[in-house]
N, C-alpha and C. Protein backbone atom coordinates (compact mmCIF):
# COMPACT_ATOMS: atom_id res chain seq x y z
N MET A 1 69.86 102.90 69.17
CA MET A 1 70.00 101.42 68.86
C MET A 1 71.31 100.91 69.45
N ALA A 2 72.40 101.70 69.26
CA ALA A 2 73.66 101.27 69.75
C ALA A 2 73.62 101.18 71.29
N GLY A 3 72.89 102.14 71.92
CA GLY A 3 72.79 102.07 73.36
C GLY A 3 72.04 100.91 73.83
N PHE A 4 71.05 100.45 73.05
CA PHE A 4 70.21 99.27 73.45
C PHE A 4 71.08 98.00 73.36
N ARG A 5 71.98 97.95 72.33
CA ARG A 5 72.89 96.81 72.18
C ARG A 5 73.86 96.73 73.33
N VAL A 6 74.32 97.85 73.74
CA VAL A 6 75.25 97.91 74.89
C VAL A 6 74.50 97.43 76.17
N LEU A 7 73.28 97.87 76.30
CA LEU A 7 72.51 97.45 77.47
C LEU A 7 72.30 95.90 77.49
N LEU A 8 71.94 95.41 76.30
CA LEU A 8 71.79 93.90 76.19
C LEU A 8 73.06 93.20 76.52
N TRP A 9 74.22 93.74 75.98
CA TRP A 9 75.53 93.12 76.29
C TRP A 9 75.79 93.13 77.77
N PHE A 10 75.50 94.24 78.46
CA PHE A 10 75.73 94.35 79.88
C PHE A 10 74.84 93.38 80.67
N VAL A 11 73.56 93.31 80.26
CA VAL A 11 72.67 92.37 80.96
C VAL A 11 73.07 90.96 80.76
N LYS A 12 73.47 90.58 79.51
CA LYS A 12 73.87 89.24 79.25
C LYS A 12 75.05 88.82 80.11
N TRP A 13 76.07 89.63 80.16
CA TRP A 13 77.30 89.26 80.94
C TRP A 13 77.04 89.35 82.45
N THR A 14 76.11 90.21 82.83
CA THR A 14 75.73 90.24 84.29
C THR A 14 75.10 88.91 84.67
N ILE A 15 74.19 88.40 83.82
CA ILE A 15 73.54 87.14 84.05
C ILE A 15 74.55 86.00 84.06
N ILE A 16 75.46 85.98 83.10
CA ILE A 16 76.47 84.95 83.02
C ILE A 16 77.35 84.92 84.25
N LEU A 17 77.77 86.17 84.69
CA LEU A 17 78.61 86.26 85.87
C LEU A 17 77.81 85.75 87.10
N ALA A 18 76.55 86.17 87.23
CA ALA A 18 75.76 85.77 88.41
C ALA A 18 75.59 84.27 88.45
N VAL A 19 75.35 83.67 87.31
CA VAL A 19 75.23 82.19 87.23
C VAL A 19 76.50 81.50 87.63
N ALA A 20 77.61 82.03 87.10
CA ALA A 20 78.93 81.44 87.39
C ALA A 20 79.20 81.57 88.89
N VAL A 21 78.96 82.70 89.53
CA VAL A 21 79.21 82.91 90.93
C VAL A 21 78.32 81.96 91.75
N PHE A 22 77.05 81.88 91.38
CA PHE A 22 76.12 80.95 92.10
C PHE A 22 76.61 79.49 91.94
N GLY A 23 77.01 79.13 90.73
CA GLY A 23 77.48 77.78 90.50
C GLY A 23 78.63 77.38 91.29
N ILE A 24 79.65 78.30 91.32
CA ILE A 24 80.87 78.05 92.09
C ILE A 24 80.56 77.97 93.60
N HIS A 25 79.71 78.90 94.05
CA HIS A 25 79.33 78.89 95.47
C HIS A 25 78.61 77.57 95.84
N PHE A 26 77.69 77.12 94.99
CA PHE A 26 77.00 75.88 95.25
C PHE A 26 77.97 74.72 95.32
N TRP A 27 78.90 74.72 94.36
CA TRP A 27 79.96 73.67 94.28
C TRP A 27 80.80 73.62 95.55
N LEU A 28 81.23 74.84 96.00
CA LEU A 28 82.03 74.93 97.20
C LEU A 28 81.29 74.46 98.46
N SER A 29 79.96 74.71 98.46
CA SER A 29 79.12 74.42 99.67
C SER A 29 78.78 72.96 99.72
N THR A 30 78.85 72.21 98.60
CA THR A 30 78.42 70.87 98.61
C THR A 30 79.49 69.80 98.43
N LYS A 31 80.67 70.22 97.93
CA LYS A 31 81.78 69.26 97.65
C LYS A 31 82.44 68.77 98.92
N GLY A 32 83.15 67.67 98.86
CA GLY A 32 83.93 67.18 99.95
C GLY A 32 85.33 67.77 99.87
N TYR A 33 86.02 67.84 101.07
CA TYR A 33 87.33 68.41 101.15
C TYR A 33 88.27 67.41 101.76
N VAL A 34 89.57 67.56 101.40
CA VAL A 34 90.60 66.66 101.85
C VAL A 34 90.96 67.03 103.34
N PHE A 35 91.13 68.26 103.59
CA PHE A 35 91.67 68.76 104.84
C PHE A 35 90.50 69.49 105.64
N SER A 36 90.84 69.75 106.90
CA SER A 36 89.99 70.60 107.72
C SER A 36 90.86 71.58 108.49
N ALA A 37 90.33 72.72 108.81
CA ALA A 37 91.13 73.69 109.59
C ALA A 37 91.54 73.10 110.89
N GLN A 38 90.65 72.32 111.53
CA GLN A 38 90.91 71.72 112.86
C GLN A 38 92.07 70.70 112.78
N SER A 39 92.09 69.87 111.74
CA SER A 39 93.13 68.86 111.65
C SER A 39 94.50 69.52 111.39
N ILE A 40 94.55 70.53 110.56
CA ILE A 40 95.78 71.23 110.25
C ILE A 40 96.27 71.94 111.51
N SER A 41 95.39 72.59 112.23
CA SER A 41 95.78 73.29 113.44
C SER A 41 96.26 72.33 114.52
N THR A 42 95.60 71.17 114.63
CA THR A 42 95.99 70.17 115.62
C THR A 42 97.42 69.68 115.38
N ILE A 43 97.72 69.37 114.12
CA ILE A 43 99.07 68.92 113.77
C ILE A 43 100.09 70.05 114.01
N ALA A 44 99.75 71.20 113.58
CA ALA A 44 100.69 72.34 113.75
C ALA A 44 101.02 72.62 115.22
N GLN A 45 99.95 72.64 116.05
CA GLN A 45 100.17 72.99 117.43
C GLN A 45 100.96 71.93 118.27
N LYS A 46 101.07 70.70 117.70
CA LYS A 46 101.93 69.71 118.32
C LYS A 46 103.39 70.12 118.27
N HIS A 47 103.72 71.01 117.33
CA HIS A 47 105.09 71.39 117.09
C HIS A 47 105.30 72.86 117.20
N ASN A 48 104.52 73.55 118.03
CA ASN A 48 104.76 74.97 118.20
C ASN A 48 105.83 75.17 119.27
N ASP A 49 106.09 76.45 119.57
CA ASP A 49 107.25 76.74 120.48
C ASP A 49 106.94 76.55 121.95
N GLY A 50 105.71 76.07 122.29
CA GLY A 50 105.43 75.75 123.68
C GLY A 50 105.53 76.87 124.62
N GLY A 51 105.20 78.07 124.16
CA GLY A 51 105.24 79.22 125.10
C GLY A 51 106.59 79.88 125.07
N LYS A 52 107.12 80.20 123.90
CA LYS A 52 108.37 80.97 123.77
C LYS A 52 109.63 80.15 124.18
N ASP A 53 109.66 78.92 123.79
CA ASP A 53 110.88 78.06 124.08
C ASP A 53 112.10 78.58 123.35
N ARG A 54 113.11 79.00 124.08
CA ARG A 54 114.29 79.66 123.41
C ARG A 54 115.08 78.63 122.60
N SER A 55 114.93 77.37 122.84
CA SER A 55 115.72 76.37 122.06
C SER A 55 114.90 75.91 120.83
N TYR A 56 113.71 76.52 120.58
CA TYR A 56 112.87 76.14 119.49
C TYR A 56 113.53 76.32 118.15
N ASP A 57 113.45 75.30 117.28
CA ASP A 57 114.03 75.31 115.98
C ASP A 57 112.88 75.14 114.97
N VAL A 58 112.48 76.29 114.32
CA VAL A 58 111.30 76.23 113.44
C VAL A 58 111.57 75.32 112.21
N ARG A 59 112.77 75.22 111.80
CA ARG A 59 113.07 74.39 110.63
C ARG A 59 112.80 72.90 110.94
N LYS A 60 113.13 72.48 112.16
CA LYS A 60 112.80 71.10 112.57
C LYS A 60 111.32 70.93 112.67
N ALA A 61 110.64 71.97 113.18
CA ALA A 61 109.16 71.91 113.32
C ALA A 61 108.51 71.78 111.99
N PHE A 62 108.98 72.54 110.98
CA PHE A 62 108.46 72.41 109.65
C PHE A 62 108.65 71.02 109.08
N HIS A 63 109.81 70.44 109.32
CA HIS A 63 110.16 69.14 108.83
C HIS A 63 109.20 68.09 109.43
N LYS A 64 108.98 68.18 110.75
CA LYS A 64 108.08 67.23 111.42
C LYS A 64 106.61 67.39 110.98
N ILE A 65 106.17 68.64 110.79
CA ILE A 65 104.83 68.87 110.34
C ILE A 65 104.63 68.31 108.90
N HIS A 66 105.67 68.50 108.07
CA HIS A 66 105.56 67.97 106.72
C HIS A 66 105.46 66.44 106.79
N GLN A 67 106.20 65.83 107.63
CA GLN A 67 106.13 64.38 107.77
C GLN A 67 104.75 63.90 108.25
N ASP A 68 104.19 64.62 109.26
CA ASP A 68 102.93 64.27 109.84
C ASP A 68 101.81 64.45 108.78
N LEU A 69 101.90 65.49 107.98
CA LEU A 69 100.87 65.73 106.96
C LEU A 69 100.98 64.68 105.87
N SER A 70 102.19 64.36 105.50
CA SER A 70 102.42 63.32 104.43
C SER A 70 101.83 61.98 104.82
N LYS A 71 101.95 61.66 106.14
CA LYS A 71 101.46 60.38 106.60
C LYS A 71 99.95 60.39 106.74
N LYS A 72 99.42 61.51 107.14
CA LYS A 72 97.93 61.61 107.30
C LYS A 72 97.20 61.78 106.01
N TYR A 73 97.89 62.48 105.00
CA TYR A 73 97.26 62.75 103.74
C TYR A 73 98.12 62.23 102.57
N PRO A 74 98.35 60.95 102.47
CA PRO A 74 99.26 60.46 101.45
C PRO A 74 98.72 60.79 100.03
N GLY A 75 99.63 61.20 99.17
CA GLY A 75 99.26 61.52 97.78
C GLY A 75 98.78 62.96 97.56
N HIS A 76 98.64 63.71 98.71
CA HIS A 76 98.17 65.11 98.64
C HIS A 76 99.22 66.12 98.94
N ILE A 77 100.31 65.70 99.53
CA ILE A 77 101.33 66.65 100.02
C ILE A 77 102.58 66.49 99.13
N LEU A 78 103.14 67.65 98.73
CA LEU A 78 104.31 67.62 97.87
C LEU A 78 105.45 66.92 98.62
N ALA A 79 106.30 66.16 97.87
CA ALA A 79 107.45 65.54 98.44
C ALA A 79 108.49 66.57 98.92
N ALA A 80 109.33 66.16 99.82
CA ALA A 80 110.32 67.08 100.37
C ALA A 80 111.19 67.68 99.28
N LYS A 81 111.52 66.88 98.25
CA LYS A 81 112.40 67.36 97.17
C LYS A 81 111.74 68.43 96.32
N ASP A 82 110.36 68.51 96.40
CA ASP A 82 109.65 69.52 95.62
C ASP A 82 109.33 70.80 96.39
N LEU A 83 109.63 70.78 97.66
CA LEU A 83 109.32 71.98 98.48
C LEU A 83 110.28 73.11 98.16
N GLN A 84 109.76 74.36 98.06
CA GLN A 84 110.56 75.49 97.70
C GLN A 84 110.07 76.69 98.39
N TRP A 85 110.95 77.38 99.15
CA TRP A 85 110.62 78.63 99.77
C TRP A 85 110.78 79.77 98.82
N VAL A 86 109.74 80.66 98.69
CA VAL A 86 109.81 81.80 97.84
C VAL A 86 109.33 83.01 98.60
N PHE A 87 109.81 84.21 98.21
CA PHE A 87 109.35 85.43 98.81
C PHE A 87 107.93 85.73 98.27
N MET A 88 107.17 86.46 99.10
CA MET A 88 105.82 86.82 98.69
C MET A 88 105.54 88.24 99.15
N ASN A 89 105.13 89.08 98.29
CA ASN A 89 104.74 90.48 98.56
C ASN A 89 103.24 90.64 98.24
N ALA A 90 102.51 91.09 99.20
CA ALA A 90 101.05 91.29 98.98
C ALA A 90 100.53 92.27 100.01
N GLY A 91 99.70 93.20 99.56
CA GLY A 91 99.04 94.11 100.53
C GLY A 91 100.00 95.01 101.25
N GLY A 92 101.23 95.18 100.80
CA GLY A 92 102.22 95.99 101.49
C GLY A 92 103.14 95.26 102.40
N TRP A 93 102.82 94.02 102.73
CA TRP A 93 103.72 93.25 103.59
C TRP A 93 104.56 92.25 102.76
N MET A 94 105.64 91.77 103.39
CA MET A 94 106.53 90.83 102.72
C MET A 94 106.86 89.67 103.63
N GLY A 95 106.77 88.47 103.07
CA GLY A 95 107.11 87.26 103.85
C GLY A 95 107.65 86.19 102.91
N ALA A 96 107.74 84.98 103.41
CA ALA A 96 108.20 83.88 102.59
C ALA A 96 107.23 82.71 102.82
N MET A 97 107.00 81.91 101.77
CA MET A 97 106.10 80.82 101.86
C MET A 97 106.64 79.56 101.24
N CYS A 98 106.14 78.45 101.67
CA CYS A 98 106.51 77.14 101.11
C CYS A 98 105.23 76.36 100.93
N LEU A 99 104.86 76.12 99.71
CA LEU A 99 103.57 75.44 99.43
C LEU A 99 103.72 73.87 99.57
N LEU A 100 102.70 73.33 100.36
CA LEU A 100 102.73 71.91 100.62
C LEU A 100 101.64 71.20 99.82
N HIS A 101 100.51 71.87 99.57
CA HIS A 101 99.42 71.32 98.87
C HIS A 101 98.60 72.46 98.22
N ALA A 102 98.07 72.18 97.04
CA ALA A 102 97.20 73.14 96.36
C ALA A 102 96.31 72.40 95.42
N SER A 103 95.03 72.88 95.41
CA SER A 103 94.03 72.43 94.44
C SER A 103 93.22 73.63 94.05
N LEU A 104 92.08 73.43 93.41
CA LEU A 104 91.20 74.55 93.08
C LEU A 104 90.50 75.07 94.29
N THR A 105 90.40 74.26 95.35
CA THR A 105 89.57 74.60 96.51
C THR A 105 90.29 74.57 97.87
N GLU A 106 91.54 74.15 97.88
CA GLU A 106 92.26 74.07 99.18
C GLU A 106 93.71 74.36 98.91
N TYR A 107 94.41 74.85 99.99
CA TYR A 107 95.85 74.90 99.97
C TYR A 107 96.38 74.80 101.40
N VAL A 108 97.59 74.30 101.51
CA VAL A 108 98.31 74.24 102.82
C VAL A 108 99.70 74.76 102.53
N LEU A 109 100.20 75.63 103.40
CA LEU A 109 101.56 76.14 103.18
C LEU A 109 102.17 76.56 104.50
N PHE A 110 103.52 76.65 104.50
CA PHE A 110 104.22 77.29 105.59
C PHE A 110 104.44 78.73 105.20
N PHE A 111 104.35 79.58 106.23
CA PHE A 111 104.52 81.05 105.96
C PHE A 111 105.17 81.67 107.12
N GLY A 112 105.93 82.77 106.85
CA GLY A 112 106.56 83.48 107.93
C GLY A 112 107.42 84.63 107.43
N THR A 113 108.01 85.35 108.37
CA THR A 113 108.85 86.47 108.05
C THR A 113 109.96 86.63 109.03
N ALA A 114 111.13 87.06 108.62
CA ALA A 114 112.24 87.32 109.53
C ALA A 114 112.29 88.77 109.97
N ILE A 115 111.39 89.61 109.45
CA ILE A 115 111.37 91.02 109.81
C ILE A 115 109.92 91.45 110.15
N ASP A 116 109.81 92.59 110.95
CA ASP A 116 108.46 93.12 111.16
C ASP A 116 107.89 93.55 109.85
N THR A 117 106.62 93.24 109.61
CA THR A 117 105.95 93.61 108.38
C THR A 117 104.48 93.69 108.62
N ALA A 118 103.79 94.59 107.93
CA ALA A 118 102.38 94.78 108.16
C ALA A 118 101.76 95.32 106.85
N GLY A 119 100.39 95.15 106.76
CA GLY A 119 99.73 95.62 105.61
C GLY A 119 98.30 95.20 105.52
N HIS A 120 97.78 95.07 104.31
CA HIS A 120 96.33 94.80 104.01
C HIS A 120 96.20 93.23 104.00
N SER A 121 95.10 92.76 104.51
CA SER A 121 94.86 91.31 104.56
C SER A 121 94.48 90.73 103.17
N GLY A 122 93.83 91.54 102.40
CA GLY A 122 93.19 91.04 101.19
C GLY A 122 91.83 90.55 101.47
N ARG A 123 90.99 90.51 100.45
CA ARG A 123 89.61 90.05 100.58
C ARG A 123 89.45 88.84 99.66
N TYR A 124 89.19 87.66 100.27
CA TYR A 124 89.19 86.45 99.47
C TYR A 124 87.83 85.73 99.43
N TRP A 125 87.71 84.93 98.34
CA TRP A 125 86.59 83.98 98.29
C TRP A 125 87.01 82.70 98.91
N ALA A 126 87.48 82.76 100.14
CA ALA A 126 88.03 81.57 100.83
C ALA A 126 88.15 81.87 102.31
N ASN A 127 88.07 80.83 103.13
CA ASN A 127 88.31 80.91 104.57
C ASN A 127 89.80 80.52 104.76
N ILE A 128 90.51 81.33 105.57
CA ILE A 128 91.92 81.07 105.79
C ILE A 128 92.18 80.99 107.32
N THR A 129 92.95 79.91 107.67
CA THR A 129 93.28 79.71 109.07
C THR A 129 94.76 79.62 109.20
N ASP A 130 95.35 80.35 110.12
CA ASP A 130 96.76 80.39 110.39
C ASP A 130 97.05 79.83 111.79
N ALA A 131 97.80 78.73 111.87
CA ALA A 131 98.24 78.19 113.16
C ALA A 131 99.65 78.67 113.40
N VAL A 132 99.80 79.56 114.40
CA VAL A 132 101.09 80.20 114.68
C VAL A 132 101.99 79.20 115.43
N LEU A 133 103.18 78.99 114.93
CA LEU A 133 104.11 78.13 115.56
C LEU A 133 105.02 78.88 116.54
N THR A 134 105.45 80.07 116.10
CA THR A 134 106.26 80.89 116.95
C THR A 134 106.16 82.33 116.49
N GLY A 135 106.33 83.30 117.35
CA GLY A 135 106.21 84.68 117.00
C GLY A 135 104.88 85.27 117.30
N GLU A 136 104.48 86.34 116.62
CA GLU A 136 103.22 87.03 116.89
C GLU A 136 102.59 87.55 115.64
N PHE A 137 101.33 87.16 115.39
CA PHE A 137 100.60 87.59 114.21
C PHE A 137 99.31 88.23 114.73
N ARG A 138 99.15 89.51 114.37
CA ARG A 138 97.90 90.21 114.84
C ARG A 138 97.03 90.51 113.64
N GLN A 139 95.70 90.23 113.81
CA GLN A 139 94.71 90.57 112.82
C GLN A 139 93.49 90.95 113.61
N TRP A 140 93.63 92.09 114.33
CA TRP A 140 92.57 92.57 115.25
C TRP A 140 92.20 91.56 116.27
N GLN A 141 93.02 90.51 116.40
CA GLN A 141 92.79 89.55 117.42
C GLN A 141 94.15 88.78 117.62
N GLU A 142 94.31 88.15 118.75
CA GLU A 142 95.55 87.43 119.05
C GLU A 142 95.21 86.02 119.43
N GLY A 143 96.17 85.14 119.32
CA GLY A 143 95.99 83.75 119.71
C GLY A 143 96.88 82.79 118.90
N ASP A 144 96.79 81.53 119.24
CA ASP A 144 97.63 80.55 118.53
C ASP A 144 97.08 80.23 117.12
N THR A 145 95.75 80.43 116.96
CA THR A 145 95.15 80.17 115.70
C THR A 145 94.33 81.41 115.29
N VAL A 146 94.63 81.92 114.10
CA VAL A 146 93.92 83.14 113.61
C VAL A 146 93.14 82.80 112.35
N HIS A 147 91.84 83.25 112.37
CA HIS A 147 90.97 82.93 111.27
C HIS A 147 90.69 84.16 110.45
N HIS A 148 90.72 84.02 109.13
CA HIS A 148 90.34 85.09 108.21
C HIS A 148 89.16 84.57 107.38
N THR A 149 87.94 85.12 107.70
CA THR A 149 86.75 84.58 107.12
C THR A 149 86.49 85.06 105.72
N TRP A 150 85.85 84.22 104.96
CA TRP A 150 85.38 84.48 103.58
C TRP A 150 84.83 85.93 103.49
N GLY A 151 85.38 86.74 102.59
CA GLY A 151 84.88 88.09 102.35
C GLY A 151 85.35 89.13 103.38
N GLU A 152 85.99 88.76 104.38
CA GLU A 152 86.45 89.65 105.47
C GLU A 152 87.72 90.43 104.99
N VAL A 153 87.87 91.61 105.47
CA VAL A 153 89.07 92.39 105.19
C VAL A 153 89.54 93.13 106.49
N THR A 154 90.83 93.17 106.67
CA THR A 154 91.40 93.79 107.88
C THR A 154 92.85 94.13 107.64
N ALA A 155 93.45 94.59 108.70
CA ALA A 155 94.94 94.87 108.62
C ALA A 155 95.61 93.71 109.36
N VAL A 156 96.83 93.41 108.90
CA VAL A 156 97.59 92.32 109.53
C VAL A 156 99.00 92.85 109.90
N ASN A 157 99.55 92.26 110.93
CA ASN A 157 100.85 92.64 111.44
C ASN A 157 101.61 91.40 111.85
N PHE A 158 102.76 91.23 111.28
CA PHE A 158 103.65 90.08 111.64
C PHE A 158 104.90 90.60 112.33
N LYS A 159 105.20 90.09 113.48
CA LYS A 159 106.47 90.45 114.17
C LYS A 159 107.58 89.62 113.61
N ALA A 160 108.81 90.16 113.67
CA ALA A 160 109.95 89.42 113.19
C ALA A 160 110.06 88.08 113.83
N GLY A 161 110.37 87.02 113.06
CA GLY A 161 110.48 85.68 113.60
C GLY A 161 109.12 84.93 113.79
N THR A 162 108.10 85.40 113.07
CA THR A 162 106.81 84.78 113.16
C THR A 162 106.72 83.72 112.03
N TRP A 163 106.36 82.51 112.38
CA TRP A 163 106.24 81.37 111.43
C TRP A 163 104.96 80.62 111.75
N MET A 164 104.31 80.13 110.68
CA MET A 164 102.96 79.51 110.86
C MET A 164 102.66 78.48 109.79
N VAL A 165 101.58 77.79 109.98
CA VAL A 165 101.04 76.86 108.99
C VAL A 165 99.67 77.47 108.58
N GLU A 166 99.52 77.67 107.29
CA GLU A 166 98.28 78.29 106.81
C GLU A 166 97.45 77.25 105.95
N TYR A 167 96.17 77.30 106.19
CA TYR A 167 95.24 76.48 105.43
C TYR A 167 94.12 77.34 104.85
N GLY A 168 93.93 77.22 103.54
CA GLY A 168 92.89 77.95 102.87
C GLY A 168 91.86 77.05 102.27
N ARG A 169 90.59 77.41 102.33
CA ARG A 169 89.49 76.62 101.75
C ARG A 169 88.53 77.57 101.08
N GLY A 170 88.30 77.35 99.76
CA GLY A 170 87.39 78.22 99.04
C GLY A 170 87.77 78.14 97.54
N PHE A 171 87.46 79.17 96.83
CA PHE A 171 87.81 79.22 95.41
C PHE A 171 89.23 79.77 95.33
N ILE A 172 90.24 78.95 95.37
CA ILE A 172 91.60 79.35 95.48
C ILE A 172 92.08 80.27 94.38
N PRO A 173 91.76 80.02 93.10
CA PRO A 173 92.16 80.94 92.06
C PRO A 173 91.83 82.39 92.29
N SER A 174 90.77 82.63 93.09
CA SER A 174 90.35 84.03 93.36
C SER A 174 91.30 84.75 94.33
N THR A 175 92.18 83.93 95.01
CA THR A 175 93.16 84.57 95.92
C THR A 175 94.45 85.02 95.16
N LEU A 176 94.66 84.56 93.93
CA LEU A 176 95.92 84.74 93.27
C LEU A 176 96.11 86.20 92.83
N SER A 177 95.03 86.90 92.54
CA SER A 177 95.18 88.28 92.11
C SER A 177 95.80 89.13 93.21
N PHE A 178 95.38 88.88 94.48
CA PHE A 178 95.98 89.62 95.63
C PHE A 178 97.40 89.13 95.87
N ALA A 179 97.56 87.80 95.79
CA ALA A 179 98.86 87.20 96.14
C ALA A 179 99.97 87.62 95.17
N LEU A 180 99.57 87.90 93.92
CA LEU A 180 100.58 88.18 92.90
C LEU A 180 100.61 89.61 92.43
N ALA A 181 99.64 90.43 92.85
CA ALA A 181 99.57 91.83 92.35
C ALA A 181 100.82 92.64 92.68
N ASP A 182 101.25 92.63 93.92
CA ASP A 182 102.44 93.41 94.28
C ASP A 182 103.71 92.93 93.53
N THR A 183 103.83 91.65 93.34
CA THR A 183 104.96 91.08 92.64
C THR A 183 104.91 91.55 91.15
N LEU A 184 103.70 91.55 90.60
CA LEU A 184 103.57 91.89 89.17
C LEU A 184 103.69 93.37 88.93
N PHE A 185 103.07 94.24 89.79
CA PHE A 185 103.02 95.64 89.48
C PHE A 185 103.87 96.56 90.36
N SER A 186 104.42 96.01 91.43
CA SER A 186 105.23 96.84 92.39
C SER A 186 106.70 96.41 92.37
N THR A 187 106.96 95.23 92.86
CA THR A 187 108.37 94.79 92.93
C THR A 187 108.91 94.35 91.59
N THR A 188 107.97 93.97 90.68
CA THR A 188 108.41 93.43 89.37
C THR A 188 109.47 92.36 89.46
N ASP A 189 109.29 91.51 90.48
CA ASP A 189 110.21 90.39 90.71
C ASP A 189 109.63 89.19 89.94
N PHE A 190 109.84 89.16 88.60
CA PHE A 190 109.24 88.19 87.80
C PHE A 190 109.79 86.81 88.01
N ILE A 191 111.01 86.70 88.52
CA ILE A 191 111.59 85.37 88.81
C ILE A 191 110.79 84.76 89.94
N THR A 192 110.46 85.52 90.96
CA THR A 192 109.62 85.03 92.09
C THR A 192 108.19 84.68 91.57
N LEU A 193 107.69 85.52 90.70
CA LEU A 193 106.31 85.30 90.11
C LEU A 193 106.30 83.98 89.40
N ILE A 194 107.30 83.70 88.61
CA ILE A 194 107.37 82.43 87.85
C ILE A 194 107.53 81.29 88.80
N SER A 195 108.32 81.43 89.85
CA SER A 195 108.52 80.36 90.83
C SER A 195 107.18 80.00 91.53
N ILE A 196 106.44 81.04 91.90
CA ILE A 196 105.12 80.80 92.57
C ILE A 196 104.21 80.07 91.63
N CYS A 197 104.11 80.47 90.43
CA CYS A 197 103.24 79.84 89.40
C CYS A 197 103.64 78.40 89.16
N LYS A 198 104.99 78.16 89.08
CA LYS A 198 105.48 76.79 88.84
C LYS A 198 105.11 75.85 89.98
N ILE A 199 105.32 76.35 91.20
CA ILE A 199 105.06 75.43 92.34
C ILE A 199 103.55 75.19 92.53
N TYR A 200 102.74 76.17 92.16
CA TYR A 200 101.27 75.99 92.22
C TYR A 200 100.81 74.96 91.18
N VAL A 201 101.36 75.08 89.93
CA VAL A 201 101.02 74.12 88.89
C VAL A 201 101.49 72.73 89.33
N LYS A 202 102.69 72.64 89.87
CA LYS A 202 103.21 71.37 90.30
C LYS A 202 102.26 70.71 91.34
N ALA A 203 101.73 71.48 92.26
CA ALA A 203 100.84 70.98 93.26
C ALA A 203 99.51 70.55 92.64
N LEU A 204 99.08 71.30 91.64
CA LEU A 204 97.81 70.94 90.95
C LEU A 204 97.93 69.63 90.17
N VAL A 205 99.14 69.47 89.56
CA VAL A 205 99.42 68.22 88.84
C VAL A 205 99.43 67.05 89.80
N LEU A 206 100.02 67.22 90.96
CA LEU A 206 100.10 66.16 91.97
C LEU A 206 98.67 65.80 92.35
N GLU A 207 97.83 66.75 92.61
CA GLU A 207 96.47 66.47 93.04
C GLU A 207 95.68 65.82 91.93
N ALA A 208 95.81 66.31 90.71
CA ALA A 208 95.10 65.69 89.57
C ALA A 208 95.57 64.23 89.43
N GLY A 209 96.88 63.96 89.57
CA GLY A 209 97.42 62.64 89.45
C GLY A 209 96.86 61.70 90.52
N TYR A 210 96.68 62.23 91.68
CA TYR A 210 96.09 61.40 92.77
C TYR A 210 94.66 60.90 92.41
N TYR A 211 93.85 61.83 91.96
CA TYR A 211 92.47 61.44 91.58
C TYR A 211 92.38 60.58 90.40
N ILE A 212 93.27 60.78 89.43
CA ILE A 212 93.30 59.91 88.29
C ILE A 212 93.69 58.47 88.68
N SER A 213 94.67 58.40 89.62
CA SER A 213 95.11 57.02 90.06
C SER A 213 94.00 56.31 90.81
N GLN A 214 93.09 57.09 91.46
CA GLN A 214 91.97 56.43 92.19
C GLN A 214 90.91 55.88 91.25
N MET A 215 90.98 56.28 89.97
CA MET A 215 89.99 55.84 89.04
C MET A 215 90.29 54.46 88.43
N PHE A 216 91.58 54.01 88.69
CA PHE A 216 91.95 52.77 88.05
C PHE A 216 92.37 51.72 89.08
């Protein structure tokens, strides 16, 4: 009898999980999105290093890209005073990121590293596109724009001095376990963990505020 109850419990939660996954997938497939991978890549590539330009200043490029995105997507991009660079450890690699936008289904951020680093890509319920501004990012392929497809997994390698603009589209909360696992269980850098969570919440509040303002 106890075994039958366990079986019923397992079946019940399997059905609930399947319905939830189907519902989220249907929602992601039918909803509208603010950004597109093409638009983010186009803006980013206007400010890349133009083929290893030695006078290239990535900080100025980030500033100009932030300005362009703020003009194109008013109300969706964090203000300059709210931008914060934080370290990020995930899959064995280490880099730094600066979040520009985040919602439940999209994010835009600056990412890069000052040192050579490599590791696991992670497997996400999201499509991720990286527009490389300067440096070299390998993910079994090379180029100015690198795509990491929904459910795909691979190895990644970042050369020192690699900086990029990253756009993610999908169920963004599903990416947080990978993004925060190393910080939580390996480096135990809880100050960085809190900073990442705070900036994500701040971006969510901005996005919620935008949609609420459109209702009135």
